[in-house]
């Protein structure tokens, strides 16, 4: 699990333990271990490469991601 504040809350810990799971946190700033970060980085590259620069949709999408 990443180190987001809501992942470290007591309520989250209780829910996870109640489900019978063990909590393992990733080391800070370890984007290479957090696969969703790799996914979003690649997704942004693909979107940017395939959008026409004159597209009215390009700027909002690039800003969003």
PDB file of N, CA and C in Angstrom:
ATOM      1  N   UNK A   1       0.856  -1.161   0.000  1.00  0.00           N
ATOM      2  CA  UNK A   1       0.000   0.000   0.000  1.00  0.00           C
ATOM      3  C   UNK A   1       0.905   1.227   0.000  1.00  0.00           C
ATOM      4  N   UNK A   2       0.454   2.276  -0.688  1.00  0.00           N
ATOM      5  CA  UNK A   2       1.262   3.489  -0.672  1.00  0.00           C
ATOM      6  C   UNK A   2       1.067   4.215   0.657  1.00  0.00           C
ATOM      7  N   UNK A   3       1.739   5.322   0.814  1.00  0.00           N
ATOM      8  CA  UNK A   3       1.740   6.029   2.092  1.00  0.00           C
ATOM      9  C   UNK A   3       0.766   7.194   2.147  1.00  0.00           C
ATOM     10  N   UNK A   4      -0.320   7.109   1.393  1.00  0.00           N
ATOM     11  CA  UNK A   4      -1.347   8.148   1.446  1.00  0.00           C
ATOM     12  C   UNK A   4      -1.913   8.228   2.862  1.00  0.00           C
ATOM     13  N   UNK A   5      -2.224   9.426   3.291  1.00  0.00           N
ATOM     14  CA  UNK A   5      -2.705   9.648   4.655  1.00  0.00           C
ATOM     15  C   UNK A   5      -3.905   8.778   4.993  1.00  0.00           C
ATOM     16  N   UNK A   6      -4.867   8.674   4.069  1.00  0.00           N
ATOM     17  CA  UNK A   6      -6.071   7.896   4.371  1.00  0.00           C
ATOM     18  C   UNK A   6      -5.782   6.402   4.458  1.00  0.00           C
ATOM     19  N   UNK A   7      -4.678   5.941   3.889  1.00  0.00           N
ATOM     20  CA  UNK A   7      -4.319   4.531   4.022  1.00  0.00           C
ATOM     21  C   UNK A   7      -3.745   4.226   5.399  1.00  0.00           C
ATOM     22  N   UNK A   8      -3.292   5.253   6.088  1.00  0.00           N
ATOM     23  CA  UNK A   8      -2.682   5.057   7.399  1.00  0.00           C
ATOM     24  C   UNK A   8      -3.636   5.354   8.550  1.00  0.00           C
ATOM     25  N   UNK A   9      -4.880   5.672   8.242  1.00  0.00           N
ATOM     26  CA  UNK A   9      -5.830   6.012   9.303  1.00  0.00           C
ATOM     27  C   UNK A   9      -6.189   4.776  10.128  1.00  0.00           C
ATOM     28  N   UNK A  10      -6.597   5.017  11.347  1.00  0.00           N
ATOM     29  CA  UNK A  10      -6.989   3.929  12.246  1.00  0.00           C
ATOM     30  C   UNK A  10      -8.169   3.155  11.672  1.00  0.00           C
ATOM     31  N   UNK A  11      -9.129   3.853  11.083  1.00  0.00           N
ATOM     32  CA  UNK A  11     -10.303   3.189  10.508  1.00  0.00           C
ATOM     33  C   UNK A  11      -9.896   2.232   9.386  1.00  0.00           C
ATOM     34  N   UNK A  12      -8.967   2.669   8.548  1.00  0.00           N
ATOM     35  CA  UNK A  12      -8.495   1.815   7.460  1.00  0.00           C
ATOM     36  C   UNK A  12      -7.786   0.591   8.014  1.00  0.00           C
ATOM     37  N   UNK A  13      -6.930   0.791   9.006  1.00  0.00           N
ATOM     38  CA  UNK A  13      -6.220  -0.329   9.627  1.00  0.00           C
ATOM     39  C   UNK A  13      -7.200  -1.336  10.217  1.00  0.00           C
ATOM     40  N   UNK A  14      -8.220  -0.849  10.888  1.00  0.00           N
ATOM     41  CA  UNK A  14      -9.204  -1.744  11.499  1.00  0.00           C
ATOM     42  C   UNK A  14      -9.951  -2.555  10.448  1.00  0.00           C
ATOM     43  N   UNK A  15     -10.363  -1.909   9.356  1.00  0.00           N
ATOM     44  CA  UNK A  15     -11.066  -2.623   8.284  1.00  0.00           C
ATOM     45  C   UNK A  15     -10.193  -3.709   7.659  1.00  0.00           C
ATOM     46  N   UNK A  16      -8.940  -3.392   7.447  1.00  0.00           N
ATOM     47  CA  UNK A  16      -8.026  -4.357   6.832  1.00  0.00           C
ATOM     48  C   UNK A  16      -7.777  -5.533   7.771  1.00  0.00           C
ATOM     49  N   UNK A  17      -7.546  -5.248   9.041  1.00  0.00           N
ATOM     50  CA  UNK A  17      -7.315  -6.322  10.009  1.00  0.00           C
ATOM     51  C   UNK A  17      -8.566  -7.168  10.198  1.00  0.00           C
ATOM     52  N   UNK A  18      -9.730  -6.531  10.199  1.00  0.00           N
ATOM     53  CA  UNK A  18     -10.996  -7.252  10.335  1.00  0.00           C
ATOM     54  C   UNK A  18     -11.200  -8.222   9.165  1.00  0.00           C
ATOM     55  N   UNK A  19     -10.697  -7.843   8.003  1.00  0.00           N
ATOM     56  CA  UNK A  19     -10.802  -8.704   6.818  1.00  0.00           C
ATOM     57  C   UNK A  19      -9.760  -9.823   6.844  1.00  0.00           C
ATOM     58  N   UNK A  20      -8.893  -9.804   7.851  1.00  0.00           N
ATOM     59  CA  UNK A  20      -7.888 -10.853   7.981  1.00  0.00           C
ATOM     60  C   UNK A  20      -6.666 -10.652   7.103  1.00  0.00           C
ATOM     61  N   UNK A  21      -6.427  -9.412   6.721  1.00  0.00           N
ATOM     62  CA  UNK A  21      -5.295  -9.116   5.838  1.00  0.00           C
ATOM     63  C   UNK A  21      -4.171  -8.438   6.610  1.00  0.00           C
ATOM     64  N   UNK A  22      -2.988  -8.535   6.065  1.00  0.00           N
ATOM     65  CA  UNK A  22      -1.818  -7.891   6.643  1.00  0.00           C
ATOM     66  C   UNK A  22      -1.523  -6.619   5.851  1.00  0.00           C
ATOM     67  N   UNK A  23      -1.113  -5.573   6.539  1.00  0.00           N
ATOM     68  CA  UNK A  23      -0.812  -4.297   5.893  1.00  0.00           C
ATOM     69  C   UNK A  23       0.684  -4.225   5.613  1.00  0.00           C
ATOM     70  N   UNK A  24       1.019  -4.028   4.360  1.00  0.00           N
ATOM     71  CA  UNK A  24       2.409  -3.830   3.956  1.00  0.00           C
ATOM     72  C   UNK A  24       2.486  -2.515   3.193  1.00  0.00           C
ATOM     73  N   UNK A  25       3.298  -1.591   3.685  1.00  0.00           N
ATOM     74  CA  UNK A  25       3.439  -0.289   3.047  1.00  0.00           C
ATOM     75  C   UNK A  25       4.660  -0.271   2.142  1.00  0.00           C
ATOM     76  N   UNK A  26       4.544   0.430   1.029  1.00  0.00           N
ATOM     77  CA  UNK A  26       5.674   0.637   0.131  1.00  0.00           C
ATOM     78  C   UNK A  26       6.626   1.648   0.758  1.00  0.00           C
ATOM     79  N   UNK A  27       7.912   1.548   0.448  1.00  0.00           N
ATOM     80  CA  UNK A  27       8.830   2.588   0.915  1.00  0.00           C
ATOM     81  C   UNK A  27       8.435   3.931   0.283  1.00  0.00           C
ATOM     82  N   UNK A  28       8.670   5.040   0.981  1.00  0.00           N
ATOM     83  CA  UNK A  28       8.338   6.346   0.410  1.00  0.00           C
ATOM     84  C   UNK A  28       9.057   6.578  -0.921  1.00  0.00           C
ATOM     85  N   UNK A  29       8.373   7.242  -1.829  1.00  0.00           N
ATOM     86  CA  UNK A  29       8.927   7.637  -3.126  1.00  0.00           C
ATOM     87  C   UNK A  29       9.420   6.446  -3.953  1.00  0.00           C
ATOM     88  N   UNK A  30       8.697   5.346  -3.908  1.00  0.00           N
ATOM     89  CA  UNK A  30       9.085   4.158  -4.677  1.00  0.00           C
ATOM     90  C   UNK A  30       8.081   3.932  -5.802  1.00  0.00           C
ATOM     91  N   UNK A  31       8.043   4.870  -6.735  1.00  0.00           N
ATOM     92  CA  UNK A  31       7.079   4.796  -7.830  1.00  0.00           C
ATOM     93  C   UNK A  31       7.255   3.536  -8.667  1.00  0.00           C
ATOM     94  N   UNK A  32       8.474   3.007  -8.721  1.00  0.00           N
ATOM     95  CA  UNK A  32       8.727   1.801  -9.500  1.00  0.00           C
ATOM     96  C   UNK A  32       8.023   0.578  -8.913  1.00  0.00           C
ATOM     97  N   UNK A  33       7.690   0.614  -7.636  1.00  0.00           N
ATOM     98  CA  UNK A  33       6.985  -0.499  -6.998  1.00  0.00           C
ATOM     99  C   UNK A  33       5.472  -0.323  -7.022  1.00  0.00           C
ATOM    100  N   UNK A  34       5.016   0.875  -7.325  1.00  0.00           N
ATOM    101  CA  UNK A  34       3.591   1.171  -7.347  1.00  0.00           C
ATOM    102  C   UNK A  34       3.124   1.133  -8.803  1.00  0.00           C
ATOM    103  N   UNK A  35       2.582   0.001  -9.224  1.00  0.00           N
ATOM    104  CA  UNK A  35       2.262  -0.235 -10.631  1.00  0.00           C
ATOM    105  C   UNK A  35       1.271   0.759 -11.217  1.00  0.00           C
ATOM    106  N   UNK A  36       0.371   1.295 -10.411  1.00  0.00           N
ATOM    107  CA  UNK A  36      -0.604   2.240 -10.954  1.00  0.00           C
ATOM    108  C   UNK A  36       0.094   3.518 -11.421  1.00  0.00           C
ATOM    109  N   UNK A  37       1.190   3.890 -10.769  1.00  0.00           N
ATOM    110  CA  UNK A  37       1.947   5.075 -11.192  1.00  0.00           C
ATOM    111  C   UNK A  37       2.566   4.847 -12.570  1.00  0.00           C
ATOM    112  N   UNK A  38       3.071   3.647 -12.809  1.00  0.00           N
ATOM    113  CA  UNK A  38       3.624   3.302 -14.122  1.00  0.00           C
ATOM    114  C   UNK A  38       2.531   3.332 -15.176  1.00  0.00           C
ATOM    115  N   UNK A  39       1.370   2.785 -14.838  1.00  0.00           N
ATOM    116  CA  UNK A  39       0.245   2.789 -15.772  1.00  0.00           C
ATOM    117  C   UNK A  39      -0.116   4.208 -16.180  1.00  0.00           C
ATOM    118  N   UNK A  40      -0.305   5.109 -15.194  1.00  0.00           N
ATOM    119  CA  UNK A  40      -0.725   6.475 -15.511  1.00  0.00           C
ATOM    120  C   UNK A  40       0.344   7.224 -16.297  1.00  0.00           C
ATOM    121  N   UNK A  41       1.604   6.993 -15.997  1.00  0.00           N
ATOM    122  CA  UNK A  41       2.675   7.649 -16.754  1.00  0.00           C
ATOM    123  C   UNK A  41       2.625   7.222 -18.218  1.00  0.00           C
ATOM    124  N   UNK A  42       2.455   5.932 -18.461  1.00  0.00           N
ATOM    125  CA  UNK A  42       2.367   5.431 -19.838  1.00  0.00           C
ATOM    126  C   UNK A  42       1.096   5.917 -20.526  1.00  0.00           C
ATOM    127  N   UNK A  43      -0.005   5.939 -19.808  1.00  0.00           N
ATOM    128  CA  UNK A  43      -1.274   6.401 -20.365  1.00  0.00           C
ATOM    129  C   UNK A  43      -1.163   7.855 -20.820  1.00  0.00           C
ATOM    130  N   UNK A  44      -0.552   8.694 -19.986  1.00  0.00           N
ATOM    131  CA  UNK A  44      -0.375  10.105 -20.337  1.00  0.00           C
ATOM    132  C   UNK A  44       0.454  10.263 -21.609  1.00  0.00           C
ATOM    133  N   UNK A  45       1.508   9.459 -21.736  1.00  0.00           N
ATOM    134  CA  UNK A  45       2.350   9.525 -22.931  1.00  0.00           C
ATOM    135  C   UNK A  45       1.560   9.140 -24.178  1.00  0.00           C
ATOM    136  N   UNK A  46       0.771   8.088 -24.078  1.00  0.00           N
ATOM    137  CA  UNK A  46      -0.025   7.627 -25.219  1.00  0.00           C
ATOM    138  C   UNK A  46      -1.055   8.676 -25.620  1.00  0.00           C
ATOM    139  N   UNK A  47      -1.749   9.233 -24.633  1.00  0.00           N
ATOM    140  CA  UNK A  47      -2.758  10.255 -24.924  1.00  0.00           C
ATOM    141  C   UNK A  47      -2.101  11.462 -25.575  1.00  0.00           C
ATOM    142  N   UNK A  48      -0.997  11.923 -25.009  1.00  0.00           N
ATOM    143  CA  UNK A  48      -0.317  13.100 -25.555  1.00  0.00           C
ATOM    144  C   UNK A  48       0.187  12.851 -26.971  1.00  0.00           C
ATOM    145  N   UNK A  49       0.679  11.655 -27.246  1.00  0.00           N
ATOM    146  CA  UNK A  49       1.219  11.341 -28.569  1.00  0.00           C
ATOM    147  C   UNK A  49       0.133  11.217 -29.625  1.00  0.00           C
ATOM    148  N   UNK A  50      -1.079  10.892 -29.213  1.00  0.00           N
ATOM    149  CA  UNK A  50      -2.146  10.636 -30.178  1.00  0.00           C
ATOM    150  C   UNK A  50      -3.157  11.765 -30.334  1.00  0.00           C
ATOM    151  N   UNK A  51      -3.010  12.801 -29.567  1.00  0.00           N
ATOM    152  CA  UNK A  51      -3.923  13.932 -29.697  1.00  0.00           C
ATOM    153  C   UNK A  51      -3.345  14.970 -30.638  1.00  0.00           C
ATOM    154  N   UNK A  52      -4.162  15.443 -31.490  1.00  0.00           N
ATOM    155  CA  UNK A  52      -3.743  16.530 -32.369  1.00  0.00           C
ATOM    156  C   UNK A  52      -3.564  17.777 -31.513  1.00  0.00           C
ATOM    157  N   UNK A  53      -2.514  18.511 -31.763  1.00  0.00           N
ATOM    158  CA  UNK A  53      -2.267  19.727 -30.981  1.00  0.00           C
ATOM    159  C   UNK A  53      -3.348  20.776 -31.213  1.00  0.00           C
ATOM    160  N   UNK A  54      -4.057  20.682 -32.323  1.00  0.00           N
ATOM    161  CA  UNK A  54      -5.119  21.645 -32.601  1.00  0.00           C
ATOM    162  C   UNK A  54      -6.472  21.184 -32.067  1.00  0.00           C
ATOM    163  N   UNK A  55      -6.507  19.995 -31.510  1.00  0.00           N
ATOM    164  CA  UNK A  55      -7.758  19.460 -30.989  1.00  0.00           C
ATOM    165  C   UNK A  55      -8.229  20.282 -29.789  1.00  0.00           C
ATOM    166  N   UNK A  56      -9.508  20.561 -29.747  1.00  0.00           N
ATOM    167  CA  UNK A  56     -10.054  21.300 -28.605  1.00  0.00           C
ATOM    168  C   UNK A  56     -10.079  20.427 -27.362  1.00  0.00           C
ATOM    169  N   UNK A  57      -9.966  19.129 -27.531  1.00  0.00           N
ATOM    170  CA  UNK A  57      -9.963  18.208 -26.404  1.00  0.00           C
ATOM    171  C   UNK A  57      -8.567  18.012 -25.829  1.00  0.00           C
ATOM    172  N   UNK A  58      -7.545  18.304 -26.597  1.00  0.00           N
ATOM    173  CA  UNK A  58      -6.169  18.030 -26.185  1.00  0.00           C
ATOM    174  C   UNK A  58      -5.782  18.757 -24.903  1.00  0.00           C
ATOM    175  N   UNK A  59      -5.985  20.056 -24.846  1.00  0.00           N
ATOM    176  CA  UNK A  59      -5.540  20.827 -23.685  1.00  0.00           C
ATOM    177  C   UNK A  59      -6.229  20.379 -22.393  1.00  0.00           C
ATOM    178  N   UNK A  60      -7.561  20.213 -22.370  1.00  0.00           N
ATOM    179  CA  UNK A  60      -8.190  19.744 -21.128  1.00  0.00           C
ATOM    180  C   UNK A  60      -7.709  18.360 -20.691  1.00  0.00           C
ATOM    181  N   UNK A  61      -7.496  17.453 -21.645  1.00  0.00           N
ATOM    182  CA  UNK A  61      -7.028  16.115 -21.283  1.00  0.00           C
ATOM    183  C   UNK A  61      -5.615  16.146 -20.732  1.00  0.00           C
ATOM    184  N   UNK A  62      -4.747  16.907 -21.363  1.00  0.00           N
ATOM    185  CA  UNK A  62      -3.372  17.002 -20.879  1.00  0.00           C
ATOM    186  C   UNK A  62      -3.347  17.653 -19.504  1.00  0.00           C
ATOM    187  N   UNK A  63      -4.171  18.664 -19.289  1.00  0.00           N
ATOM    188  CA  UNK A  63      -4.261  19.311 -17.981  1.00  0.00           C
ATOM    189  C   UNK A  63      -4.784  18.343 -16.930  1.00  0.00           C
ATOM    190  N   UNK A  64      -5.784  17.558 -17.301  1.00  0.00           N
ATOM    191  CA  UNK A  64      -6.377  16.601 -16.370  1.00  0.00           C
ATOM    192  C   UNK A  64      -5.375  15.549 -15.947  1.00  0.00           C
ATOM    193  N   UNK A  65      -4.590  15.065 -16.888  1.00  0.00           N
ATOM    194  CA  UNK A  65      -3.640  14.001 -16.583  1.00  0.00           C
ATOM    195  C   UNK A  65      -2.258  14.553 -16.406  1.00  0.00           C
TER     196      UNK A  65
END
